[in-house]
Each structure stands twice: as C-alpha cells, then as structure tokens.
C-alpha cells in the first residue's frame, strides 16, 4: 500500500480567506466523516433550521461571536466553543451583528453509515422563526 492511499492532504487557505461554506470531505476522500469550513458575516445567519436523521455534528468555533440554537436552547459562541448536536436535533446559528469579525467554524459530521450512503439527510424548516428574529 502506498503512503498516499493511507492519507490525503488538502489546503484550506488562511482562515482570513474563508468565505461561506466549503465541504472538504470530498477533497479528502473521507468515507465516514464529513467536514465543512464556514464563515458567516456579522448579522448573517443560517437560511433555515435543519436537523439530520442519522448524523451527529460537532461545531468548533475558531473566531468571531455568535449563537447556536438547538431545539429551545440558545448557546453563545466564541473562539474555543465546541458544541455537539445529536441526530434529530433541530438547529440554526448566526454571527452576532456586533461581532468584530465573521464567525468562523468547522463542522464535523459523522454517522453510523458512510457519508455517501447517508446522503443529504437534512430536514429543512423554513417556517419556524429564529429566536433572534423578535
């Protein structure tokens, strides 16, 4: 087995260059773990609530300030905050309008199956208002 079949490397670039959402599991050839790098501008938020039937997510905040709502709970986010979201938990997040920088985070996803077999198992909720939309 050659060394490159045991691992794969991708470059995300400087965190200062991150914009939007970039799924990198494909670039890495990952089978059972999904990962995205994310940047949300101050005042922007998820476009909808979502949940995953078979996928557990871990959000790792690297920069900025925001909040994540999971079900009826809202948790403050800042660099160093790590949040695990269980399957079937509805969530949304936002970067606080007063954040000095965009909210930058990694989302690591895993399930009992391969990411490809699970596919897009997200359930979207475009009707429920966000707690910050008061």
C-alpha atoms as a PDB file:
ATOM      1  CA  UNK A   1       0.000   0.000   0.000  1.00  0.00           C
ATOM      2  CA  UNK A   2       1.500   3.351  -0.963  1.00  0.00           C
ATOM      3  CA  UNK A   3       1.552   6.166   1.594  1.00  0.00           C
ATOM      4  CA  UNK A   4      -0.945   8.345  -0.310  1.00  0.00           C
ATOM      5  CA  UNK A   5      -3.635   5.643  -0.012  1.00  0.00           C
ATOM      6  CA  UNK A   6      -3.362   5.931   3.777  1.00  0.00           C
ATOM      7  CA  UNK A   7      -3.944   9.683   3.897  1.00  0.00           C
ATOM      8  CA  UNK A   8      -4.820  12.695   1.790  1.00  0.00           C
ATOM      9  CA  UNK A   9      -3.989  16.362   2.268  1.00  0.00           C
ATOM     10  CA  UNK A  10      -5.955  19.432   1.240  1.00  0.00           C
ATOM     11  CA  UNK A  11      -5.220  23.098   1.856  1.00  0.00           C
ATOM     12  CA  UNK A  12      -7.983  25.279   3.285  1.00  0.00           C
ATOM     13  CA  UNK A  13      -6.024  28.501   2.923  1.00  0.00           C
ATOM     14  CA  UNK A  14      -5.706  31.141   5.602  1.00  0.00           C
ATOM     15  CA  UNK A  15      -8.715  31.476   7.902  1.00  0.00           C
ATOM     16  CA  UNK A  16      -8.779  35.142   6.826  1.00  0.00           C
ATOM     17  CA  UNK A  17      -9.691  33.973   3.297  1.00  0.00           C
ATOM     18  CA  UNK A  18     -12.571  31.678   4.316  1.00  0.00           C
ATOM     19  CA  UNK A  19     -15.961  32.700   2.933  1.00  0.00           C
ATOM     20  CA  UNK A  20     -19.301  30.935   3.009  1.00  0.00           C
ATOM     21  CA  UNK A  21     -19.417  27.147   3.370  1.00  0.00           C
ATOM     22  CA  UNK A  22     -16.884  24.748   1.879  1.00  0.00           C
ATOM     23  CA  UNK A  23     -17.421  20.973   2.207  1.00  0.00           C
ATOM     24  CA  UNK A  24     -13.982  19.347   2.167  1.00  0.00           C
ATOM     25  CA  UNK A  25     -14.705  15.661   2.782  1.00  0.00           C
ATOM     26  CA  UNK A  26     -14.690  15.047  -0.977  1.00  0.00           C
ATOM     27  CA  UNK A  27     -11.303  16.700  -1.389  1.00  0.00           C
ATOM     28  CA  UNK A  28     -10.010  14.467   1.412  1.00  0.00           C
ATOM     29  CA  UNK A  29     -11.666  11.289   0.141  1.00  0.00           C
ATOM     30  CA  UNK A  30     -13.382  10.811   3.530  1.00  0.00           C
ATOM     31  CA  UNK A  31     -15.911   7.948   3.728  1.00  0.00           C
ATOM     32  CA  UNK A  32     -17.422   8.190   7.211  1.00  0.00           C
ATOM     33  CA  UNK A  33     -16.633  11.732   8.357  1.00  0.00           C
ATOM     34  CA  UNK A  34     -17.902  14.941   6.798  1.00  0.00           C
ATOM     35  CA  UNK A  35     -16.277  18.298   7.406  1.00  0.00           C
ATOM     36  CA  UNK A  36     -17.032  21.825   6.309  1.00  0.00           C
ATOM     37  CA  UNK A  37     -15.207  25.098   6.894  1.00  0.00           C
ATOM     38  CA  UNK A  38     -17.544  28.031   7.385  1.00  0.00           C
ATOM     39  CA  UNK A  39     -17.586  31.815   7.618  1.00  0.00           C
ATOM     40  CA  UNK A  40     -20.687  33.865   8.434  1.00  0.00           C
ATOM     41  CA  UNK A  41     -20.570  37.648   8.265  1.00  0.00           C
ATOM     42  CA  UNK A  42     -21.722  39.619  11.339  1.00  0.00           C
ATOM     43  CA  UNK A  43     -25.515  39.798  11.381  1.00  0.00           C
ATOM     44  CA  UNK A  44     -25.962  36.884   8.954  1.00  0.00           C
ATOM     45  CA  UNK A  45     -27.466  33.543   9.963  1.00  0.00           C
ATOM     46  CA  UNK A  46     -28.458  30.109   8.758  1.00  0.00           C
ATOM     47  CA  UNK A  47     -31.013  30.435   5.963  1.00  0.00           C
ATOM     48  CA  UNK A  48     -33.218  27.830   7.728  1.00  0.00           C
ATOM     49  CA  UNK A  49     -33.371  25.451  10.678  1.00  0.00           C
ATOM     50  CA  UNK A  50     -32.103  21.948   9.929  1.00  0.00           C
ATOM     51  CA  UNK A  51     -31.682  18.526  11.523  1.00  0.00           C
ATOM     52  CA  UNK A  52     -30.057  15.269  10.462  1.00  0.00           C
ATOM     53  CA  UNK A  53     -31.729  11.890  10.917  1.00  0.00           C
ATOM     54  CA  UNK A  54     -28.532   9.816  11.066  1.00  0.00           C
ATOM     55  CA  UNK A  55     -25.752  12.327  11.528  1.00  0.00           C
ATOM     56  CA  UNK A  56     -24.100  13.723  14.652  1.00  0.00           C
ATOM     57  CA  UNK A  57     -22.455  17.144  14.216  1.00  0.00           C
ATOM     58  CA  UNK A  58     -19.703  18.884  16.160  1.00  0.00           C
ATOM     59  CA  UNK A  59     -19.279  22.641  15.732  1.00  0.00           C
ATOM     60  CA  UNK A  60     -15.812  24.021  16.571  1.00  0.00           C
ATOM     61  CA  UNK A  61     -15.708  27.830  16.713  1.00  0.00           C
ATOM     62  CA  UNK A  62     -12.408  29.411  15.677  1.00  0.00           C
ATOM     63  CA  UNK A  63     -13.200  33.139  15.502  1.00  0.00           C
ATOM     64  CA  UNK A  64     -15.975  35.682  15.905  1.00  0.00           C
ATOM     65  CA  UNK A  65     -19.042  35.750  18.117  1.00  0.00           C
ATOM     66  CA  UNK A  66     -22.401  34.175  17.519  1.00  0.00           C
ATOM     67  CA  UNK A  67     -25.015  31.862  18.890  1.00  0.00           C
ATOM     68  CA  UNK A  68     -26.437  28.472  18.027  1.00  0.00           C
ATOM     69  CA  UNK A  69     -29.975  27.412  18.817  1.00  0.00           C
ATOM     70  CA  UNK A  70     -30.585  23.700  19.306  1.00  0.00           C
ATOM     71  CA  UNK A  71     -34.232  22.972  19.928  1.00  0.00           C
ATOM     72  CA  UNK A  72     -35.389  25.506  22.532  1.00  0.00           C
ATOM     73  CA  UNK A  73     -31.888  26.289  23.849  1.00  0.00           C
ATOM     74  CA  UNK A  74     -29.532  29.010  22.604  1.00  0.00           C
ATOM     75  CA  UNK A  75     -25.803  28.855  23.348  1.00  0.00           C
ATOM     76  CA  UNK A  76     -23.298  31.711  22.962  1.00  0.00           C
ATOM     77  CA  UNK A  77     -20.450  31.006  20.543  1.00  0.00           C
ATOM     78  CA  UNK A  78     -16.916  32.394  20.628  1.00  0.00           C
ATOM     79  CA  UNK A  79     -13.450  31.138  19.704  1.00  0.00           C
ATOM     80  CA  UNK A  80     -12.879  27.882  21.580  1.00  0.00           C
ATOM     81  CA  UNK A  81     -16.557  26.907  21.939  1.00  0.00           C
ATOM     82  CA  UNK A  82     -17.305  23.323  20.838  1.00  0.00           C
ATOM     83  CA  UNK A  83     -20.924  22.142  20.527  1.00  0.00           C
ATOM     84  CA  UNK A  84     -22.109  18.575  19.825  1.00  0.00           C
ATOM     85  CA  UNK A  85     -25.530  18.276  18.181  1.00  0.00           C
ATOM     86  CA  UNK A  86     -27.238  14.869  18.346  1.00  0.00           C
ATOM     87  CA  UNK A  87     -29.128  13.339  15.420  1.00  0.00           C
ATOM     88  CA  UNK A  88     -32.721  14.588  15.036  1.00  0.00           C
ATOM     89  CA  UNK A  89     -31.942  17.875  16.836  1.00  0.00           C
ATOM     90  CA  UNK A  90     -33.174  20.978  15.012  1.00  0.00           C
ATOM     91  CA  UNK A  91     -30.569  23.751  14.883  1.00  0.00           C
ATOM     92  CA  UNK A  92     -29.686  27.130  13.400  1.00  0.00           C
ATOM     93  CA  UNK A  93     -26.861  29.575  14.077  1.00  0.00           C
ATOM     94  CA  UNK A  94     -25.865  33.143  13.465  1.00  0.00           C
ATOM     95  CA  UNK A  95     -22.975  35.574  13.754  1.00  0.00           C
ATOM     96  CA  UNK A  96     -23.858  38.360  16.162  1.00  0.00           C
ATOM     97  CA  UNK A  97     -24.312  41.739  14.457  1.00  0.00           C
ATOM     98  CA  UNK A  98     -21.780  43.270  16.865  1.00  0.00           C
ATOM     99  CA  UNK A  99     -19.102  40.611  16.217  1.00  0.00           C
ATOM    100  CA  UNK A 100     -15.839  42.327  15.250  1.00  0.00           C
ATOM    101  CA  UNK A 101     -15.080  39.531  12.768  1.00  0.00           C
ATOM    102  CA  UNK A 102     -17.055  36.952  10.816  1.00  0.00           C
ATOM    103  CA  UNK A 103     -17.991  33.821  12.749  1.00  0.00           C
ATOM    104  CA  UNK A 104     -15.579  31.109  11.549  1.00  0.00           C
ATOM    105  CA  UNK A 105     -16.104  27.483  12.448  1.00  0.00           C
ATOM    106  CA  UNK A 106     -15.584  23.877  11.458  1.00  0.00           C
ATOM    107  CA  UNK A 107     -18.477  21.435  11.332  1.00  0.00           C
ATOM    108  CA  UNK A 108     -17.501  17.783  11.664  1.00  0.00           C
ATOM    109  CA  UNK A 109     -20.230  15.252  10.835  1.00  0.00           C
ATOM    110  CA  UNK A 110     -20.328  11.527  11.363  1.00  0.00           C
ATOM    111  CA  UNK A 111     -22.914   8.792  11.394  1.00  0.00           C
ATOM    112  CA  UNK A 112     -23.411   5.072  11.628  1.00  0.00           C
ATOM    113  CA  UNK A 113     -23.033   4.813   7.858  1.00  0.00           C
ATOM    114  CA  UNK A 114     -20.724   6.324   5.262  1.00  0.00           C
ATOM    115  CA  UNK A 115     -21.417   9.958   4.399  1.00  0.00           C
ATOM    116  CA  UNK A 116     -22.183   8.854   0.811  1.00  0.00           C
ATOM    117  CA  UNK A 117     -24.698   6.205   1.984  1.00  0.00           C
ATOM    118  CA  UNK A 118     -26.369   8.697   4.311  1.00  0.00           C
ATOM    119  CA  UNK A 119     -26.504  11.289   1.536  1.00  0.00           C
ATOM    120  CA  UNK A 120     -28.276  14.537   2.238  1.00  0.00           C
ATOM    121  CA  UNK A 121     -30.391  13.543   5.239  1.00  0.00           C
ATOM    122  CA  UNK A 122     -31.112  17.121   6.272  1.00  0.00           C
ATOM    123  CA  UNK A 123     -34.682  18.160   7.050  1.00  0.00           C
ATOM    124  CA  UNK A 124     -35.195  21.881   6.421  1.00  0.00           C
ATOM    125  CA  UNK A 125     -37.617  24.076   8.354  1.00  0.00           C
ATOM    126  CA  UNK A 126     -38.222  27.404   6.643  1.00  0.00           C
ATOM    127  CA  UNK A 127     -41.280  28.251   8.778  1.00  0.00           C
ATOM    128  CA  UNK A 128     -40.108  28.424  12.413  1.00  0.00           C
ATOM    129  CA  UNK A 129     -38.771  31.895  13.262  1.00  0.00           C
ATOM    130  CA  UNK A 130     -35.306  32.157  14.781  1.00  0.00           C
ATOM    131  CA  UNK A 131     -35.141  33.277  18.433  1.00  0.00           C
ATOM    132  CA  UNK A 132     -33.182  36.381  17.346  1.00  0.00           C
ATOM    133  CA  UNK A 133     -35.889  37.447  14.874  1.00  0.00           C
ATOM    134  CA  UNK A 134     -38.010  39.043  17.609  1.00  0.00           C
END
